PDB file of N, CA and C in Angstrom:
ATOM      1  N   MET A   1     -32.387   0.049 -65.239  1.00  0.00           N
ATOM      2  CA  MET A   1     -32.777  -1.071 -64.503  1.00  0.00           C
ATOM      3  C   MET A   1     -31.657  -2.502 -64.546  1.00  0.00           C
ATOM      4  N   VAL A   2     -31.171  -2.975 -63.709  1.00  0.00           N
ATOM      5  CA  VAL A   2     -30.527  -4.409 -63.709  1.00  0.00           C
ATOM      6  C   VAL A   2     -31.409  -5.405 -62.914  1.00  0.00           C
ATOM      7  N   MET A   3     -31.637  -6.246 -63.765  1.00  0.00           N
ATOM      8  CA  MET A   3     -32.375  -7.525 -63.208  1.00  0.00           C
ATOM      9  C   MET A   3     -31.297  -8.334 -62.997  1.00  0.00           C
ATOM     10  N   THR A   4     -31.905  -9.223 -61.641  1.00  0.00           N
ATOM     11  CA  THR A   4     -30.617 -10.114 -61.527  1.00  0.00           C
ATOM     12  C   THR A   4     -31.552 -11.589 -61.083  1.00  0.00           C
ATOM     13  N   GLU A   5     -31.385 -12.527 -61.796  1.00  0.00           N
ATOM     14  CA  GLU A   5     -32.134 -13.873 -61.733  1.00  0.00           C
ATOM     15  C   GLU A   5     -31.147 -14.858 -61.415  1.00  0.00           C
ATOM     16  N   THR A   6     -31.804 -16.041 -60.644  1.00  0.00           N
ATOM     17  CA  THR A   6     -30.775 -17.223 -60.549  1.00  0.00           C
ATOM     18  C   THR A   6     -31.479 -18.349 -61.157  1.00  0.00           C
ATOM     19  N   SER A   7     -30.672 -19.549 -61.377  1.00  0.00           N
ATOM     20  CA  SER A   7     -30.985 -20.438 -61.872  1.00  0.00           C
ATOM     21  C   SER A   7     -30.091 -21.507 -61.307  1.00  0.00           C
ATOM     22  N   THR A   8     -30.878 -22.713 -61.187  1.00  0.00           N
ATOM     23  CA  THR A   8     -29.793 -23.904 -60.908  1.00  0.00           C
ATOM     24  C   THR A   8     -29.283 -24.672 -61.691  1.00  0.00           C
ATOM     25  N   VAL A   9     -28.398 -24.985 -61.849  1.00  0.00           N
ATOM     26  CA  VAL A   9     -27.375 -26.226 -62.641  1.00  0.00           C
ATOM     27  C   VAL A   9     -28.259 -27.586 -62.504  1.00  0.00           C
ATOM     28  N   THR A  10     -28.609 -28.381 -63.402  1.00  0.00           N
ATOM     29  CA  THR A  10     -29.258 -29.734 -63.017  1.00  0.00           C
ATOM     30  C   THR A  10     -28.056 -30.782 -63.373  1.00  0.00           C
ATOM     31  N   SER A  11     -28.439 -31.722 -62.650  1.00  0.00           N
ATOM     32  CA  SER A  11     -27.410 -32.818 -62.975  1.00  0.00           C
ATOM     33  C   SER A  11     -26.358 -33.127 -64.096  1.00  0.00           C
ATOM     34  N   LYS A  12     -27.103 -32.634 -65.087  1.00  0.00           N
ATOM     35  CA  LYS A  12     -26.530 -32.826 -66.513  1.00  0.00           C
ATOM     36  C   LYS A  12     -26.260 -31.184 -67.334  1.00  0.00           C
ATOM     37  N   SER A  13     -25.990 -30.520 -66.146  1.00  0.00           N
ATOM     38  CA  SER A  13     -25.157 -29.553 -66.711  1.00  0.00           C
ATOM     39  C   SER A  13     -26.270 -28.650 -67.646  1.00  0.00           C
ATOM     40  N   MET A  14     -27.475 -28.354 -67.371  1.00  0.00           N
ATOM     41  CA  MET A  14     -28.543 -27.460 -67.732  1.00  0.00           C
ATOM     42  C   MET A  14     -28.889 -26.385 -67.284  1.00  0.00           C
ATOM     43  N   VAL A  15     -29.335 -25.526 -67.437  1.00  0.00           N
ATOM     44  CA  VAL A  15     -29.745 -24.068 -66.734  1.00  0.00           C
ATOM     45  C   VAL A  15     -30.651 -23.868 -67.723  1.00  0.00           C
ATOM     46  N   ASN A  16     -32.128 -23.506 -66.591  1.00  0.00           N
ATOM     47  CA  ASN A  16     -33.101 -22.943 -67.360  1.00  0.00           C
ATOM     48  C   ASN A  16     -33.231 -21.318 -66.968  1.00  0.00           C
ATOM     49  N   ILE A  17     -33.756 -20.774 -68.214  1.00  0.00           N
ATOM     50  CA  ILE A  17     -33.992 -19.077 -68.059  1.00  0.00           C
ATOM     51  C   ILE A  17     -34.881 -18.982 -67.215  1.00  0.00           C
ATOM     52  N   PRO A  18     -34.688 -17.987 -66.300  1.00  0.00           N
ATOM     53  CA  PRO A  18     -36.141 -17.853 -64.986  1.00  0.00           C
ATOM     54  C   PRO A  18     -37.009 -17.466 -65.617  1.00  0.00           C
ATOM     55  N   ALA A  19     -38.130 -17.795 -65.322  1.00  0.00           N
ATOM     56  CA  ALA A  19     -39.703 -17.437 -65.780  1.00  0.00           C
ATOM     57  C   ALA A  19     -39.668 -16.230 -65.874  1.00  0.00           C
ATOM     58  N   SER A  20     -39.376 -15.366 -65.047  1.00  0.00           N
ATOM     59  CA  SER A  20     -39.318 -13.692 -65.068  1.00  0.00           C
ATOM     60  C   SER A  20     -38.591 -13.305 -66.328  1.00  0.00           C
ATOM     61  N   ILE A  21     -37.629 -13.994 -66.940  1.00  0.00           N
ATOM     62  CA  ILE A  21     -37.168 -13.460 -68.003  1.00  0.00           C
ATOM     63  C   ILE A  21     -37.907 -14.233 -69.261  1.00  0.00           C
ATOM     64  N   ARG A  22     -38.465 -14.973 -69.336  1.00  0.00           N
ATOM     65  CA  ARG A  22     -38.955 -15.951 -70.374  1.00  0.00           C
ATOM     66  C   ARG A  22     -40.611 -15.023 -70.622  1.00  0.00           C
ATOM     67  N   LYS A  23     -40.794 -14.427 -69.789  1.00  0.00           N
ATOM     68  CA  LYS A  23     -42.385 -13.485 -69.971  1.00  0.00           C
ATOM     69  C   LYS A  23     -42.354 -12.994 -71.254  1.00  0.00           C
ATOM     70  N   LYS A  24     -43.294 -12.903 -72.145  1.00  0.00           N
ATOM     71  CA  LYS A  24     -43.516 -12.332 -73.152  1.00  0.00           C
ATOM     72  C   LYS A  24     -42.802 -10.800 -73.264  1.00  0.00           C
ATOM     73  N   SER A  25     -42.888  -9.998 -72.564  1.00  0.00           N
ATOM     74  CA  SER A  25     -42.549  -8.907 -72.556  1.00  0.00           C
ATOM     75  C   SER A  25     -40.784  -8.748 -72.743  1.00  0.00           C
ATOM     76  N   PHE A  26     -40.480  -9.976 -71.817  1.00  0.00           N
ATOM     77  CA  PHE A  26     -38.716  -9.890 -72.171  1.00  0.00           C
ATOM     78  C   PHE A  26     -38.277 -10.598 -73.395  1.00  0.00           C
ATOM     79  N   ARG A  27     -39.202 -11.673 -73.751  1.00  0.00           N
ATOM     80  CA  ARG A  27     -39.030 -12.245 -75.399  1.00  0.00           C
ATOM     81  C   ARG A  27     -38.773 -11.221 -75.922  1.00  0.00           C
ATOM     82  N   LYS A  28     -39.725 -10.396 -76.341  1.00  0.00           N
ATOM     83  CA  LYS A  28     -39.788  -9.121 -77.259  1.00  0.00           C
ATOM     84  C   LYS A  28     -38.673  -8.115 -76.937  1.00  0.00           C
ATOM     85  N   LYS A  29     -38.439  -8.197 -75.970  1.00  0.00           N
ATOM     86  CA  LYS A  29     -37.065  -7.243 -75.511  1.00  0.00           C
ATOM     87  C   LYS A  29     -35.829  -7.703 -75.628  1.00  0.00           C
ATOM     88  N   TYR A  30     -35.705  -9.080 -75.798  1.00  0.00           N
ATOM     89  CA  TYR A  30     -34.230  -9.508 -75.733  1.00  0.00           C
ATOM     90  C   TYR A  30     -34.367 -10.547 -77.297  1.00  0.00           C
ATOM     91  N   GLY A  31     -35.710 -11.012 -77.738  1.00  0.00           N
ATOM     92  CA  GLY A  31     -35.692 -11.410 -79.001  1.00  0.00           C
ATOM     93  C   GLY A  31     -35.479 -13.015 -78.764  1.00  0.00           C
ATOM     94  N   ILE A  32     -35.524 -13.550 -77.703  1.00  0.00           N
ATOM     95  CA  ILE A  32     -35.053 -14.741 -77.423  1.00  0.00           C
ATOM     96  C   ILE A  32     -36.359 -15.901 -77.619  1.00  0.00           C
ATOM     97  N   HIS A  33     -36.125 -16.939 -78.220  1.00  0.00           N
ATOM     98  CA  HIS A  33     -37.208 -17.754 -78.664  1.00  0.00           C
ATOM     99  C   HIS A  33     -36.760 -19.299 -78.499  1.00  0.00           C
ATOM    100  N   LYS A  34     -37.870 -19.997 -78.490  1.00  0.00           N
ATOM    101  CA  LYS A  34     -37.543 -21.590 -78.423  1.00  0.00           C
ATOM    102  C   LYS A  34     -36.570 -21.629 -79.707  1.00  0.00           C
ATOM    103  N   GLY A  35     -35.389 -22.557 -79.508  1.00  0.00           N
ATOM    104  CA  GLY A  35     -34.527 -23.147 -80.329  1.00  0.00           C
ATOM    105  C   GLY A  35     -33.349 -22.132 -81.007  1.00  0.00           C
ATOM    106  N   ASP A  36     -33.363 -20.643 -80.256  1.00  0.00           N
ATOM    107  CA  ASP A  36     -32.396 -20.014 -80.137  1.00  0.00           C
ATOM    108  C   ASP A  36     -30.952 -20.300 -79.637  1.00  0.00           C
ATOM    109  N   LYS A  37     -30.005 -19.747 -79.757  1.00  0.00           N
ATOM    110  CA  LYS A  37     -28.728 -20.013 -79.268  1.00  0.00           C
ATOM    111  C   LYS A  37     -28.126 -19.091 -78.323  1.00  0.00           C
ATOM    112  N   LEU A  38     -27.694 -19.759 -77.193  1.00  0.00           N
ATOM    113  CA  LEU A  38     -27.091 -18.513 -76.574  1.00  0.00           C
ATOM    114  C   LEU A  38     -25.671 -18.937 -76.040  1.00  0.00           C
ATOM    115  N   ALA A  39     -24.650 -18.119 -76.149  1.00  0.00           N
ATOM    116  CA  ALA A  39     -23.612 -18.319 -76.042  1.00  0.00           C
ATOM    117  C   ALA A  39     -23.023 -17.984 -74.473  1.00  0.00           C
ATOM    118  N   PHE A  40     -22.100 -18.628 -73.688  1.00  0.00           N
ATOM    119  CA  PHE A  40     -21.907 -18.646 -72.539  1.00  0.00           C
ATOM    120  C   PHE A  40     -20.446 -18.051 -72.294  1.00  0.00           C
ATOM    121  N   VAL A  41     -19.875 -16.846 -72.442  1.00  0.00           N
ATOM    122  CA  VAL A  41     -18.466 -16.086 -72.557  1.00  0.00           C
ATOM    123  C   VAL A  41     -17.831 -15.960 -71.032  1.00  0.00           C
ATOM    124  N   GLU A  42     -17.060 -16.417 -71.135  1.00  0.00           N
ATOM    125  CA  GLU A  42     -15.835 -16.359 -69.637  1.00  0.00           C
ATOM    126  C   GLU A  42     -15.123 -15.148 -69.973  1.00  0.00           C
ATOM    127  N   THR A  43     -14.998 -14.648 -69.019  1.00  0.00           N
ATOM    128  CA  THR A  43     -14.531 -13.212 -68.967  1.00  0.00           C
ATOM    129  C   THR A  43     -13.688 -12.750 -67.623  1.00  0.00           C
ATOM    130  N   GLU A  44     -12.950 -12.229 -67.372  1.00  0.00           N
ATOM    131  CA  GLU A  44     -12.110 -11.972 -66.050  1.00  0.00           C
ATOM    132  C   GLU A  44     -13.037 -11.576 -65.051  1.00  0.00           C
ATOM    133  N   HIS A  45     -14.339 -10.977 -65.105  1.00  0.00           N
ATOM    134  CA  HIS A  45     -15.713 -10.757 -64.219  1.00  0.00           C
ATOM    135  C   HIS A  45     -16.427 -12.291 -64.016  1.00  0.00           C
ATOM    136  N   GLY A  46     -16.758 -13.050 -64.883  1.00  0.00           N
ATOM    137  CA  GLY A  46     -17.531 -13.990 -64.598  1.00  0.00           C
ATOM    138  C   GLY A  46     -17.679 -14.336 -66.278  1.00  0.00           C
ATOM    139  N   LEU A  47     -19.026 -14.763 -65.994  1.00  0.00           N
ATOM    140  CA  LEU A  47     -19.812 -15.464 -67.201  1.00  0.00           C
ATOM    141  C   LEU A  47     -20.659 -14.323 -67.455  1.00  0.00           C
ATOM    142  N   THR A  48     -20.847 -14.468 -69.041  1.00  0.00           N
ATOM    143  CA  THR A  48     -21.557 -13.652 -69.493  1.00  0.00           C
ATOM    144  C   THR A  48     -22.581 -14.118 -70.470  1.00  0.00           C
ATOM    145  N   VAL A  49     -24.030 -14.127 -70.558  1.00  0.00           N
ATOM    146  CA  VAL A  49     -24.841 -15.055 -71.777  1.00  0.00           C
ATOM    147  C   VAL A  49     -25.039 -14.061 -72.685  1.00  0.00           C
ATOM    148  N   ILE A  50     -24.804 -14.502 -73.927  1.00  0.00           N
ATOM    149  CA  ILE A  50     -25.112 -13.652 -75.569  1.00  0.00           C
ATOM    150  C   ILE A  50     -25.855 -14.347 -76.300  1.00  0.00           C
ATOM    151  N   TRP A  51     -26.970 -13.750 -76.669  1.00  0.00           N
ATOM    152  CA  TRP A  51     -27.697 -14.350 -77.591  1.00  0.00           C
ATOM    153  C   TRP A  51     -27.310 -14.079 -78.869  1.00  0.00           C
ATOM    154  N   ILE A  52     -27.407 -15.281 -79.591  1.00  0.00           N
ATOM    155  CA  ILE A  52     -26.640 -15.720 -81.159  1.00  0.00           C
ATOM    156  C   ILE A  52     -27.990 -15.428 -81.684  1.00  0.00           C
ATOM    157  N   PRO A  53     -28.175 -14.837 -82.771  1.00  0.00           N
ATOM    158  CA  PRO A  53     -28.935 -14.421 -83.773  1.00  0.00           C
ATOM    159  C   PRO A  53     -29.052 -15.106 -84.822  1.00  0.00           C
ATOM    160  N   PRO A  54     -30.024 -15.753 -85.430  1.00  0.00           N
ATOM    161  CA  PRO A  54     -29.929 -16.768 -86.501  1.00  0.00           C
ATOM    162  C   PRO A  54     -29.323 -16.060 -87.666  1.00  0.00           C
ATOM    163  N   LEU A  55     -29.005 -17.062 -88.367  1.00  0.00           N
ATOM    164  CA  LEU A  55     -28.546 -16.465 -89.823  1.00  0.00           C
ATOM    165  C   LEU A  55     -29.465 -15.660 -90.583  1.00  0.00           C
ATOM    166  N   SER A  56     -30.416 -16.024 -90.826  1.00  0.00           N
ATOM    167  CA  SER A  56     -31.687 -15.210 -91.310  1.00  0.00           C
ATOM    168  C   SER A  56     -31.787 -13.808 -91.211  1.00  0.00           C
ATOM    169  N   GLU A  57     -31.406 -13.492 -89.399  1.00  0.00           N
ATOM    170  CA  GLU A  57     -31.363 -12.337 -88.883  1.00  0.00           C
ATOM    171  C   GLU A  57     -30.459 -11.489 -89.371  1.00  0.00           C
ATOM    172  N   VAL A  58     -29.044 -12.293 -89.467  1.00  0.00           N
ATOM    173  CA  VAL A  58     -28.255 -11.176 -89.872  1.00  0.00           C
ATOM    174  C   VAL A  58     -27.470 -11.185 -91.067  1.00  0.00           C
ATOM    175  N   TYR A  59     -28.192 -12.236 -91.836  1.00  0.00           N
ATOM    176  CA  TYR A  59     -27.667 -11.872 -93.377  1.00  0.00           C
ATOM    177  C   TYR A  59     -27.661 -10.827 -93.924  1.00  0.00           C
ATOM    178  N   GLY A  60     -26.626 -10.730 -94.894  1.00  0.00           N
ATOM    179  CA  GLY A  60     -26.770  -9.061 -95.449  1.00  0.00           C
ATOM    180  C   GLY A  60     -26.505  -8.097 -94.594  1.00  0.00           C
ATOM    181  N   SER A  61     -25.807  -8.078 -93.112  1.00  0.00           N
ATOM    182  CA  SER A  61     -25.383  -7.478 -92.593  1.00  0.00           C
ATOM    183  C   SER A  61     -24.014  -7.360 -92.370  1.00  0.00           C
ATOM    184  N   GLY A  62     -23.392  -8.239 -93.185  1.00  0.00           N
ATOM    185  CA  GLY A  62     -21.893  -8.269 -93.054  1.00  0.00           C
ATOM    186  C   GLY A  62     -21.441  -8.982 -94.434  1.00  0.00           C
ATOM    187  N   VAL A  63     -21.893  -8.464 -95.349  1.00  0.00           N
ATOM    188  CA  VAL A  63     -21.931  -9.074 -96.815  1.00  0.00           C
ATOM    189  C   VAL A  63     -20.530  -9.607 -97.167  1.00  0.00           C
ATOM    190  N   HIS A  64     -19.479  -8.357 -96.630  1.00  0.00           N
ATOM    191  CA  HIS A  64     -18.393  -8.573 -97.471  1.00  0.00           C
ATOM    192  C   HIS A  64     -17.419  -9.617 -96.624  1.00  0.00           C
ATOM    193  N   GLU A  65     -18.176  -9.838 -95.294  1.00  0.00           N
ATOM    194  CA  GLU A  65     -17.550 -11.300 -94.409  1.00  0.00           C
ATOM    195  C   GLU A  65     -18.302 -12.232 -94.350  1.00  0.00           C
ATOM    196  N   ARG A  66     -19.306 -12.479 -95.160  1.00  0.00           N
ATOM    197  CA  ARG A  66     -20.259 -13.463 -94.895  1.00  0.00           C
ATOM    198  C   ARG A  66     -19.663 -14.548 -94.799  1.00  0.00           C
ATOM    199  N   HIS A  67     -18.460 -15.109 -95.353  1.00  0.00           N
ATOM    200  CA  HIS A  67     -17.716 -16.183 -95.170  1.00  0.00           C
ATOM    201  C   HIS A  67     -17.203 -16.902 -93.683  1.00  0.00           C
ATOM    202  N   LYS A  68     -16.568 -15.403 -93.449  1.00  0.00           N
ATOM    203  CA  LYS A  68     -16.025 -15.502 -91.720  1.00  0.00           C
ATOM    204  C   LYS A  68     -17.086 -15.827 -90.654  1.00  0.00           C
ATOM    205  N   ILE A  69     -18.321 -14.923 -91.175  1.00  0.00           N
ATOM    206  CA  ILE A  69     -19.230 -15.237 -90.142  1.00  0.00           C
ATOM    207  C   ILE A  69     -19.694 -16.630 -90.153  1.00  0.00           C
ATOM    208  N   ILE A  70     -20.109 -16.876 -91.326  1.00  0.00           N
ATOM    209  CA  ILE A  70     -20.550 -18.504 -91.688  1.00  0.00           C
ATOM    210  C   ILE A  70     -19.660 -19.547 -90.786  1.00  0.00           C
ATOM    211  N   GLN A  71     -18.081 -19.504 -91.114  1.00  0.00           N
ATOM    212  CA  GLN A  71     -17.149 -20.189 -90.710  1.00  0.00           C
ATOM    213  C   GLN A  71     -17.364 -19.986 -89.238  1.00  0.00           C
ATOM    214  N   ALA A  72     -17.208 -18.981 -88.609  1.00  0.00           N
ATOM    215  CA  ALA A  72     -17.093 -18.634 -87.059  1.00  0.00           C
ATOM    216  C   ALA A  72     -18.349 -19.387 -86.501  1.00  0.00           C
ATOM    217  N   ILE A  73     -19.485 -19.474 -87.076  1.00  0.00           N
ATOM    218  CA  ILE A  73     -21.020 -19.928 -86.331  1.00  0.00           C
ATOM    219  C   ILE A  73     -20.800 -21.524 -86.363  1.00  0.00           C
ATOM    220  N   HIS A  74     -20.229 -21.839 -87.741  1.00  0.00           N
ATOM    221  CA  HIS A  74     -19.832 -23.567 -87.492  1.00  0.00           C
ATOM    222  C   HIS A  74     -19.125 -24.021 -86.700  1.00  0.00           C
ATOM    223  N   GLU A  75     -18.115 -22.952 -86.508  1.00  0.00           N
ATOM    224  CA  GLU A  75     -17.155 -23.338 -85.385  1.00  0.00           C
ATOM    225  C   GLU A  75     -17.542 -23.824 -84.336  1.00  0.00           C
ATOM    226  N   LEU A  76     -18.085 -22.537 -83.606  1.00  0.00           N
ATOM    227  CA  LEU A  76     -19.125 -22.338 -82.106  1.00  0.00           C
ATOM    228  C   LEU A  76     -19.967 -23.613 -82.210  1.00  0.00           C
ATOM    229  N   GLU A  77     -20.670 -23.790 -83.325  1.00  0.00           N
ATOM    230  CA  GLU A  77     -21.595 -24.850 -83.034  1.00  0.00           C
ATOM    231  C   GLU A  77     -20.909 -26.556 -82.904  1.00  0.00           C
ATOM    232  N   THR A  78     -19.802 -26.549 -83.629  1.00  0.00           N
ATOM    233  CA  THR A  78     -18.953 -27.945 -83.570  1.00  0.00           C
ATOM    234  C   THR A  78     -18.292 -27.663 -82.467  1.00  0.00           C
ATOM    235  N   GLU A  79     -17.785 -26.710 -81.552  1.00  0.00           N
ATOM    236  CA  GLU A  79     -17.609 -26.670 -80.177  1.00  0.00           C
ATOM    237  C   GLU A  79     -18.515 -27.124 -79.243  1.00  0.00           C
ATOM    238  N   HIS A  80     -19.621 -26.431 -79.606  1.00  0.00           N
ATOM    239  CA  HIS A  80     -20.866 -26.733 -78.426  1.00  0.00           C
ATOM    240  C   HIS A  80     -20.837 -28.423 -78.640  1.00  0.00           C
ATOM    241  N   ARG A  81     -21.245 -28.839 -79.855  1.00  0.00           N
ATOM    242  CA  ARG A  81     -21.583 -30.319 -79.812  1.00  0.00           C
ATOM    243  C   ARG A  81     -20.427 -31.316 -79.065  1.00  0.00           C
ATOM    244  N   GLY A  82     -19.249 -30.849 -79.244  1.00  0.00           N
ATOM    245  CA  GLY A  82     -18.170 -31.611 -78.407  1.00  0.00           C
ATOM    246  C   GLY A  82     -18.199 -31.635 -77.174  1.00  0.00           C
ATOM    247  N   GLU A  83     -18.570 -30.227 -76.579  1.00  0.00           N
ATOM    248  CA  GLU A  83     -18.728 -29.966 -75.152  1.00  0.00           C
ATOM    249  C   GLU A  83     -19.866 -31.130 -74.388  1.00  0.00           C
ATOM    250  N   ALA A  84     -20.856 -31.201 -75.404  1.00  0.00           N
ATOM    251  CA  ALA A  84     -22.201 -31.823 -75.235  1.00  0.00           C
ATOM    252  C   ALA A  84     -21.800 -33.444 -74.640  1.00  0.00           C
ATOM    253  N   HIS A  85     -21.116 -33.940 -75.622  1.00  0.00           N
ATOM    254  CA  HIS A  85     -20.692 -35.068 -75.195  1.00  0.00           C
ATOM    255  C   HIS A  85     -19.817 -35.548 -74.856  1.00  0.00           C
ATOM    256  N   GLU A  86     -19.305 -34.425 -73.702  1.00  0.00           N
ATOM    257  CA  GLU A  86     -18.347 -34.730 -73.057  1.00  0.00           C
ATOM    258  C   GLU A  86     -18.823 -35.335 -71.473  1.00  0.00           C
TER     259      GLU A  86
END
């Protein structure tokens, strides 16, 4: 089943997750909770929203690539902070 919901962008470029997606069952399904990060990825087909798991959940899954993973996450966070100040 494909679910489509809409949300309005505010004057401060903020977007709310629609109530139907925030419901408890969807929270369990997608694992999205207060304070989690979402990535907006631009593709040739449009924007895709991807949940970024906290480091505590991925720790150990890429032991051999740990340094690269942490570096990439810090780069994303720095980029997002820069965009937020624009």
